[in-house]
C-alpha atoms as a PDB file:
ATOM      1  CA  MET A   1     -21.743 -45.498  29.173  1.00  0.00           C
ATOM      2  CA  ASN A   2     -22.755 -47.178  25.961  1.00  0.00           C
ATOM      3  CA  LEU A   3     -20.401 -50.256  25.164  1.00  0.00           C
ATOM      4  CA  PHE A   4     -21.238 -50.135  21.257  1.00  0.00           C
ATOM      5  CA  ALA A   5     -20.241 -46.356  21.318  1.00  0.00           C
ATOM      6  CA  ARG A   6     -17.011 -46.990  23.033  1.00  0.00           C
ATOM      7  CA  ILE A   7     -16.032 -49.752  20.517  1.00  0.00           C
ATOM      8  CA  ARG A   8     -17.070 -47.668  17.771  1.00  0.00           C
ATOM      9  CA  PHE A   9     -14.858 -44.699  19.101  1.00  0.00           C
ATOM     10  CA  TYR A  10     -11.781 -47.333  19.038  1.00  0.00           C
ATOM     11  CA  TYR A  11     -12.761 -48.705  15.584  1.00  0.00           C
ATOM     12  CA  SER A  12     -12.771 -44.808  14.519  1.00  0.00           C
ATOM     13  CA  ALA A  13      -9.269 -44.186  16.115  1.00  0.00           C
ATOM     14  CA  PHE A  14      -8.062 -47.182  14.227  1.00  0.00           C
ATOM     15  CA  ILE A  15      -9.309 -46.016  10.961  1.00  0.00           C
ATOM     16  CA  ILE A  16      -7.949 -42.432  11.382  1.00  0.00           C
ATOM     17  CA  SER A  17      -4.676 -43.811  12.352  1.00  0.00           C
ATOM     18  CA  LEU A  18      -4.250 -46.170   9.367  1.00  0.00           C
ATOM     19  CA  ILE A  19      -5.233 -43.539   6.864  1.00  0.00           C
ATOM     20  CA  VAL A  20      -2.933 -40.884   8.480  1.00  0.00           C
ATOM     21  CA  SER A  21      -0.036 -43.894   8.329  1.00  0.00           C
ATOM     22  CA  ILE A  22      -0.732 -44.065   4.491  1.00  0.00           C
ATOM     23  CA  MET A  23      -1.013 -40.285   3.801  1.00  0.00           C
ATOM     24  CA  ILE A  24       2.235 -39.519   5.700  1.00  0.00           C
ATOM     25  CA  PRO A  25       4.691 -41.162   3.233  1.00  0.00           C
ATOM     26  CA  LEU A  26       2.453 -40.158   0.172  1.00  0.00           C
ATOM     27  CA  LEU A  27       3.176 -36.611   1.277  1.00  0.00           C
ATOM     28  CA  TYR A  28       6.595 -36.865   1.641  1.00  0.00           C
ATOM     29  CA  PHE A  29       7.314 -38.749  -1.876  1.00  0.00           C
ATOM     30  CA  PHE A  30       4.541 -36.612  -3.601  1.00  0.00           C
ATOM     31  CA  PRO A  31       4.672 -33.273  -2.429  1.00  0.00           C
ATOM     32  CA  LYS A  32       3.376 -31.609  -5.488  1.00  0.00           C
ATOM     33  CA  LYS A  33       0.129 -33.914  -5.011  1.00  0.00           C
ATOM     34  CA  LYS A  34      -0.311 -32.673  -1.465  1.00  0.00           C
ATOM     35  CA  SER A  35      -3.913 -31.208  -2.066  1.00  0.00           C
ATOM     36  CA  LYS A  36      -5.238 -34.440  -3.841  1.00  0.00           C
ATOM     37  CA  ILE A  37      -3.706 -36.577  -1.235  1.00  0.00           C
ATOM     38  CA  LEU A  38      -5.123 -34.696   1.767  1.00  0.00           C
ATOM     39  CA  HIS A  39      -8.418 -34.285  -0.052  1.00  0.00           C
ATOM     40  CA  TYR A  40      -9.071 -38.036  -1.189  1.00  0.00           C
ATOM     41  CA  GLY A  41      -7.306 -39.423   2.135  1.00  0.00           C
ATOM     42  CA  ASN A  42      -9.729 -37.661   4.401  1.00  0.00           C
ATOM     43  CA  LYS A  43     -12.749 -38.284   1.935  1.00  0.00           C
ATOM     44  CA  ALA A  44     -11.807 -42.128   2.603  1.00  0.00           C
ATOM     45  CA  MET A  45     -11.641 -41.712   6.254  1.00  0.00           C
ATOM     46  CA  LEU A  46     -14.941 -40.067   6.368  1.00  0.00           C
ATOM     47  CA  ALA A  47     -16.358 -42.733   4.370  1.00  0.00           C
ATOM     48  CA  LEU A  48     -15.144 -45.338   6.754  1.00  0.00           C
ATOM     49  CA  LEU A  49     -16.368 -43.587   9.819  1.00  0.00           C
ATOM     50  CA  PHE A  50     -19.747 -43.834   8.347  1.00  0.00           C
ATOM     51  CA  ALA A  51     -20.456 -40.368   8.437  1.00  0.00           C
ATOM     52  CA  LYS A  52     -23.011 -38.490   6.064  1.00  0.00           C
ATOM     53  CA  VAL A  53     -22.538 -34.749   5.248  1.00  0.00           C
ATOM     54  CA  THR A  54     -25.019 -32.171   4.512  1.00  0.00           C
ATOM     55  CA  THR A  55     -23.872 -28.988   3.333  1.00  0.00           C
ATOM     56  CA  VAL A  56     -25.501 -25.380   3.472  1.00  0.00           C
ATOM     57  CA  GLY A  57     -24.477 -22.689   1.286  1.00  0.00           C
ATOM     58  CA  LYS A  58     -21.264 -22.550  -0.957  1.00  0.00           C
ATOM     59  CA  PRO A  59     -17.646 -21.543   0.074  1.00  0.00           C
ATOM     60  CA  ASP A  60     -16.432 -18.363  -1.501  1.00  0.00           C
ATOM     61  CA  ASP A  61     -13.586 -19.137  -4.023  1.00  0.00           C
ATOM     62  CA  ARG A  62     -11.874 -15.886  -3.075  1.00  0.00           C
ATOM     63  CA  ALA A  63     -11.585 -16.895   0.329  1.00  0.00           C
ATOM     64  CA  GLN A  64      -8.053 -16.640   1.879  1.00  0.00           C
ATOM     65  CA  LEU A  65      -8.953 -17.387   5.414  1.00  0.00           C
ATOM     66  CA  TYR A  66     -11.284 -20.017   6.726  1.00  0.00           C
ATOM     67  CA  LEU A  67     -12.525 -19.589  10.423  1.00  0.00           C
ATOM     68  CA  ILE A  68     -14.058 -22.831  11.726  1.00  0.00           C
ATOM     69  CA  ASN A  69     -15.779 -23.811  14.958  1.00  0.00           C
ATOM     70  CA  HIS A  70     -14.024 -26.494  16.696  1.00  0.00           C
ATOM     71  CA  GLN A  71     -15.308 -29.730  18.482  1.00  0.00           C
ATOM     72  CA  GLY A  72     -12.639 -32.308  17.358  1.00  0.00           C
ATOM     73  CA  ILE A  73     -10.523 -33.932  14.521  1.00  0.00           C
ATOM     74  CA  VAL A  74     -13.574 -34.655  12.611  1.00  0.00           C
ATOM     75  CA  ASP A  75     -13.861 -30.789  11.612  1.00  0.00           C
ATOM     76  CA  ILE A  76     -10.417 -31.243  10.012  1.00  0.00           C
ATOM     77  CA  ILE A  77     -11.443 -34.482   8.149  1.00  0.00           C
ATOM     78  CA  THR A  78     -14.623 -33.213   7.117  1.00  0.00           C
ATOM     79  CA  LEU A  79     -13.448 -29.726   5.651  1.00  0.00           C
ATOM     80  CA  GLU A  80     -10.514 -31.468   3.832  1.00  0.00           C
ATOM     81  CA  ALA A  81     -12.886 -34.137   2.367  1.00  0.00           C
ATOM     82  CA  LEU A  82     -15.258 -31.341   1.007  1.00  0.00           C
ATOM     83  CA  LEU A  83     -12.582 -29.027  -0.263  1.00  0.00           C
ATOM     84  CA  ASN A  84      -9.709 -29.765  -2.414  1.00  0.00           C
ATOM     85  CA  LYS A  85      -8.111 -26.213  -1.556  1.00  0.00           C
ATOM     86  CA  ASN A  86      -4.570 -27.348  -0.068  1.00  0.00           C
ATOM     87  CA  LEU A  87      -5.717 -25.780   2.845  1.00  0.00           C
ATOM     88  CA  ASN A  88      -2.752 -24.589   5.247  1.00  0.00           C
ATOM     89  CA  TRP A  89      -3.803 -25.400   8.808  1.00  0.00           C
ATOM     90  CA  VAL A  90      -2.499 -23.284  11.656  1.00  0.00           C
ATOM     91  CA  ALA A  91      -1.747 -25.748  14.576  1.00  0.00           C
ATOM     92  CA  LYS A  92       0.181 -25.391  17.837  1.00  0.00           C
ATOM     93  CA  LYS A  93       3.765 -26.370  18.160  1.00  0.00           C
ATOM     94  CA  GLU A  94       3.035 -29.166  20.461  1.00  0.00           C
ATOM     95  CA  LEU A  95       0.963 -31.016  17.723  1.00  0.00           C
ATOM     96  CA  PHE A  96       3.665 -31.185  15.373  1.00  0.00           C
ATOM     97  CA  GLU A  97       5.432 -33.139  18.062  1.00  0.00           C
ATOM     98  CA  VAL A  98       2.724 -35.745  18.505  1.00  0.00           C
ATOM     99  CA  PRO A  99       3.565 -39.195  17.000  1.00  0.00           C
ATOM    100  CA  TRP A 100       2.072 -39.782  13.433  1.00  0.00           C
ATOM    101  CA  PHE A 101      -0.161 -37.027  13.623  1.00  0.00           C
ATOM    102  CA  GLY A 102       2.918 -34.821  13.877  1.00  0.00           C
ATOM    103  CA  LEU A 103       4.240 -36.198  10.881  1.00  0.00           C
ATOM    104  CA  LEU A 104       1.061 -35.535   8.974  1.00  0.00           C
ATOM    105  CA  LEU A 105       1.357 -31.836   9.737  1.00  0.00           C
ATOM    106  CA  LYS A 106       5.138 -31.741   8.829  1.00  0.00           C
ATOM    107  CA  ASN A 107       4.620 -33.539   5.602  1.00  0.00           C
ATOM    108  CA  GLY A 108       1.445 -31.664   4.601  1.00  0.00           C
ATOM    109  CA  GLU A 109       3.792 -28.269   5.398  1.00  0.00           C
ATOM    110  CA  MET A 110       1.123 -26.706   7.569  1.00  0.00           C
ATOM    111  CA  ILE A 111       2.032 -23.656   9.733  1.00  0.00           C
ATOM    112  CA  SER A 112       3.141 -24.060  13.227  1.00  0.00           C
ATOM    113  CA  VAL A 113       2.484 -21.410  16.039  1.00  0.00           C
ATOM    114  CA  ASP A 114       4.513 -21.358  19.408  1.00  0.00           C
ATOM    115  CA  ARG A 115       2.040 -19.810  21.848  1.00  0.00           C
ATOM    116  CA  GLU A 116       4.771 -19.316  24.452  1.00  0.00           C
ATOM    117  CA  ASP A 117       7.162 -17.534  22.315  1.00  0.00           C
ATOM    118  CA  ARG A 118       6.596 -13.736  21.951  1.00  0.00           C
ATOM    119  CA  ARG A 119       7.914 -13.838  18.342  1.00  0.00           C
ATOM    120  CA  GLY A 120       5.349 -16.368  17.487  1.00  0.00           C
ATOM    121  CA  LEU A 121       2.977 -13.864  15.966  1.00  0.00           C
ATOM    122  CA  ILE A 122       5.466 -12.441  13.832  1.00  0.00           C
ATOM    123  CA  LYS A 123       6.544 -15.657  12.581  1.00  0.00           C
ATOM    124  CA  LEU A 124       2.738 -16.604  12.125  1.00  0.00           C
ATOM    125  CA  LEU A 125       2.133 -13.343  10.018  1.00  0.00           C
ATOM    126  CA  LYS A 126       5.067 -14.150   7.993  1.00  0.00           C
ATOM    127  CA  ASP A 127       4.024 -18.001   7.454  1.00  0.00           C
ATOM    128  CA  VAL A 128       0.344 -16.661   6.639  1.00  0.00           C
ATOM    129  CA  LYS A 129       1.731 -14.238   4.037  1.00  0.00           C
ATOM    130  CA  HIS A 130       3.880 -16.757   2.428  1.00  0.00           C
ATOM    131  CA  SER A 131       1.071 -19.448   2.134  1.00  0.00           C
ATOM    132  CA  VAL A 132      -1.459 -16.765   0.590  1.00  0.00           C
ATOM    133  CA  GLU A 133       0.438 -14.870  -1.628  1.00  0.00           C
ATOM    134  CA  GLU A 134       3.052 -17.099  -2.807  1.00  0.00           C
ATOM    135  CA  LEU A 135       1.955 -20.614  -2.330  1.00  0.00           C
ATOM    136  CA  HIS A 136      -1.698 -19.563  -3.094  1.00  0.00           C
ATOM    137  CA  ARG A 137      -2.901 -21.992  -0.228  1.00  0.00           C
ATOM    138  CA  PRO A 138      -5.791 -20.579   1.917  1.00  0.00           C
ATOM    139  CA  VAL A 139      -5.274 -20.550   5.506  1.00  0.00           C
ATOM    140  CA  ALA A 140      -7.493 -22.521   8.020  1.00  0.00           C
ATOM    141  CA  ILE A 141      -7.882 -21.405  11.873  1.00  0.00           C
ATOM    142  CA  PHE A 142     -10.007 -22.783  14.718  1.00  0.00           C
ATOM    143  CA  PRO A 143     -10.465 -19.118  16.198  1.00  0.00           C
ATOM    144  CA  GLU A 144     -11.310 -20.844  19.736  1.00  0.00           C
ATOM    145  CA  GLY A 145      -7.634 -21.837  19.682  1.00  0.00           C
ATOM    146  CA  THR A 146      -8.669 -25.298  20.885  1.00  0.00           C
ATOM    147  CA  ARG A 147     -11.511 -27.850  21.141  1.00  0.00           C
ATOM    148  CA  ALA A 148     -14.823 -27.020  22.983  1.00  0.00           C
ATOM    149  CA  LYS A 149     -15.797 -29.878  25.446  1.00  0.00           C
ATOM    150  CA  ASN A 150     -19.537 -28.966  24.844  1.00  0.00           C
ATOM    151  CA  GLN A 151     -21.427 -27.187  22.253  1.00  0.00           C
ATOM    152  CA  LYS A 152     -20.909 -23.474  23.876  1.00  0.00           C
ATOM    153  CA  MET A 153     -18.108 -21.994  21.556  1.00  0.00           C
ATOM    154  CA  LEU A 154     -15.007 -20.803  23.747  1.00  0.00           C
ATOM    155  CA  PRO A 155     -13.771 -17.112  23.409  1.00  0.00           C
ATOM    156  CA  PHE A 156     -12.324 -16.265  20.111  1.00  0.00           C
ATOM    157  CA  LYS A 157      -8.511 -15.685  20.257  1.00  0.00           C
ATOM    158  CA  PRO A 158      -7.142 -12.338  18.788  1.00  0.00           C
ATOM    159  CA  GLY A 159      -4.936 -13.908  16.395  1.00  0.00           C
ATOM    160  CA  ALA A 160      -7.260 -14.561  13.584  1.00  0.00           C
ATOM    161  CA  LYS A 161      -8.781 -11.052  13.787  1.00  0.00           C
ATOM    162  CA  PHE A 162      -5.164  -9.524  13.586  1.00  0.00           C
ATOM    163  CA  ILE A 163      -4.066 -11.456  10.555  1.00  0.00           C
ATOM    164  CA  ALA A 164      -7.594 -10.780   8.723  1.00  0.00           C
ATOM    165  CA  GLU A 165      -7.166  -7.303   9.412  1.00  0.00           C
ATOM    166  CA  LYS A 166      -3.356  -7.019   8.746  1.00  0.00           C
ATOM    167  CA  TYR A 167      -3.567  -8.398   5.172  1.00  0.00           C
ATOM    168  CA  CYS A 168      -7.100  -7.365   4.573  1.00  0.00           C
ATOM    169  CA  MET A 169      -8.439 -10.730   3.783  1.00  0.00           C
ATOM    170  CA  ILE A 170     -11.474 -12.235   2.297  1.00  0.00           C
ATOM    171  CA  VAL A 171     -12.520 -14.640   5.300  1.00  0.00           C
ATOM    172  CA  GLN A 172     -14.957 -17.647   4.720  1.00  0.00           C
ATOM    173  CA  PRO A 173     -16.641 -18.605   8.120  1.00  0.00           C
ATOM    174  CA  VAL A 174     -17.597 -22.286   8.590  1.00  0.00           C
ATOM    175  CA  VAL A 175     -19.872 -23.875  11.211  1.00  0.00           C
ATOM    176  CA  ILE A 176     -19.588 -27.609  11.371  1.00  0.00           C
ATOM    177  CA  VAL A 177     -22.281 -29.507  13.671  1.00  0.00           C
ATOM    178  CA  GLY A 178     -22.318 -33.196  14.541  1.00  0.00           C
ATOM    179  CA  SER A 179     -18.610 -33.754  15.038  1.00  0.00           C
ATOM    180  CA  LYS A 180     -18.635 -35.027  18.421  1.00  0.00           C
ATOM    181  CA  SER A 181     -21.503 -37.307  17.344  1.00  0.00           C
ATOM    182  CA  VAL A 182     -19.126 -38.971  14.885  1.00  0.00           C
ATOM    183  CA  VAL A 183     -15.846 -38.964  17.436  1.00  0.00           C
ATOM    184  CA  ASN A 184     -15.977 -37.649  20.773  1.00  0.00           C
ATOM    185  CA  GLU A 185     -12.659 -37.383  21.893  1.00  0.00           C
ATOM    186  CA  HIS A 186     -13.279 -36.083  25.292  1.00  0.00           C
ATOM    187  CA  GLU A 187     -15.552 -38.980  25.975  1.00  0.00           C
ATOM    188  CA  LYS A 188     -13.956 -41.406  23.874  1.00  0.00           C
ATOM    189  CA  THR A 189     -17.333 -42.446  22.219  1.00  0.00           C
ATOM    190  CA  SER A 190     -18.511 -42.644  18.530  1.00  0.00           C
ATOM    191  CA  GLU A 191     -22.234 -42.731  17.778  1.00  0.00           C
ATOM    192  CA  GLY A 192     -22.210 -42.087  14.020  1.00  0.00           C
ATOM    193  CA  GLY A 193     -24.818 -39.694  12.531  1.00  0.00           C
ATOM    194  CA  ASN A 194     -24.853 -37.083  10.370  1.00  0.00           C
ATOM    195  CA  LEU A 195     -22.376 -34.075   9.780  1.00  0.00           C
ATOM    196  CA  LYS A 196     -23.891 -30.542   8.781  1.00  0.00           C
ATOM    197  CA  VAL A 197     -21.422 -28.157   7.019  1.00  0.00           C
ATOM    198  CA  ILE A 198     -22.558 -24.609   6.960  1.00  0.00           C
ATOM    199  CA  TYR A 199     -20.996 -21.850   4.954  1.00  0.00           C
ATOM    200  CA  LEU A 200     -21.591 -18.536   5.994  1.00  0.00           C
ATOM    201  CA  PRO A 201     -21.610 -15.389   3.802  1.00  0.00           C
ATOM    202  CA  SER A 202     -17.955 -14.511   3.288  1.00  0.00           C
ATOM    203  CA  ILE A 203     -16.360 -11.423   4.926  1.00  0.00           C
ATOM    204  CA  ASP A 204     -14.502  -8.729   3.019  1.00  0.00           C
ATOM    205  CA  VAL A 205     -12.690  -7.286   6.146  1.00  0.00           C
ATOM    206  CA  PRO A 206     -11.576  -4.033   4.946  1.00  0.00           C
ATOM    207  CA  ASN A 207     -15.317  -3.270   4.341  1.00  0.00           C
ATOM    208  CA  ALA A 208     -16.608  -5.022   7.447  1.00  0.00           C
ATOM    209  CA  SER A 209     -17.577  -3.292  10.475  1.00  0.00           C
ATOM    210  CA  LYS A 210     -15.190  -2.694  13.276  1.00  0.00           C
ATOM    211  CA  ASP A 211     -17.019  -5.483  15.468  1.00  0.00           C
ATOM    212  CA  TRP A 212     -17.021  -7.788  12.706  1.00  0.00           C
ATOM    213  CA  TYR A 213     -15.111 -10.820  14.605  1.00  0.00           C
ATOM    214  CA  ASP A 214     -17.238 -10.409  17.746  1.00  0.00           C
ATOM    215  CA  GLN A 215     -20.574 -10.605  15.587  1.00  0.00           C
ATOM    216  CA  LEU A 216     -19.127 -13.637  13.719  1.00  0.00           C
ATOM    217  CA  ARG A 217     -18.952 -15.668  17.144  1.00  0.00           C
ATOM    218  CA  THR A 218     -22.381 -14.688  18.099  1.00  0.00           C
ATOM    219  CA  ASP A 219     -23.712 -15.572  14.595  1.00  0.00           C
ATOM    220  CA  MET A 220     -21.824 -19.014  14.493  1.00  0.00           C
ATOM    221  CA  GLN A 221     -23.020 -19.885  17.876  1.00  0.00           C
ATOM    222  CA  LYS A 222     -26.569 -18.768  17.024  1.00  0.00           C
ATOM    223  CA  ILE A 223     -26.488 -21.296  14.266  1.00  0.00           C
ATOM    224  CA  ILE A 224     -25.150 -24.144  16.366  1.00  0.00           C
ATOM    225  CA  ASP A 225     -27.870 -23.403  19.213  1.00  0.00           C
ATOM    226  CA  GLN A 226     -30.412 -23.546  16.208  1.00  0.00           C
ATOM    227  CA  GLU A 227     -29.160 -26.962  15.161  1.00  0.00           C
ATOM    228  CA  LEU A 228     -29.364 -28.219  18.751  1.00  0.00           C
ATOM    229  CA  GLU A 229     -32.739 -27.173  19.200  1.00  0.00           C
ATOM    230  CA  GLN A 230     -33.843 -28.808  16.138  1.00  0.00           C
ATOM    231  CA  TYR A 231     -31.666 -32.149  16.143  1.00  0.00           C
ATOM    232  CA  GLY A 232     -31.064 -32.636  19.816  1.00  0.00           C
ATOM    233  CA  ASN A 233     -27.702 -32.283  21.934  1.00  0.00           C
ATOM    234  CA  LYS A 234     -26.005 -35.056  20.321  1.00  0.00           C
ATOM    235  CA  ARG A 235     -24.996 -32.912  17.575  1.00  0.00           C
END
């Protein structure tokens, strides 16, 4: 194990904890500035992690639902740093109970989902509708449901597909590569490096093919594989 990569991981963890501890009270006392606090807080975080970001394509300003592959916390930091959209992240209920990070989710008024409760999907649907139609906050979901341990995407959970089709949404798919190089939470290492954010063409779900969701996973995995082939497995 590279000692420098391990030391850098704990530095990264300190930086993330520090910025989060600053954002929590700011979100509480200045709720109307939520979007700017999250945007600039995560932008500062990304800079202090010494991560360089390259983007390909542009996000659709009409997008109501963002679907992103998930490698770790850097995915959230990166998208928040790039977009000042007041994204409403869907997170499992247990994360809201985690010290510090749970307060960030609560004060950021993110969407909590209880996977063990049969009524969880009904609540999720109501929360998403409220977010998009009344708060005008686009929703962000990791369709894999959890972090992948390697570069092979996990099967997509059905929830995001159901939501997108229920509300006839415009979906913005996003592929982020390089997250595990910046902070690898599974191996507790940080090697720095470059991040690449790829905005795929948006999907107008009512006019999409029936297999759009499965095809999306295939397309996203293909992009990840191409990046691995070009830049190596560290991405």
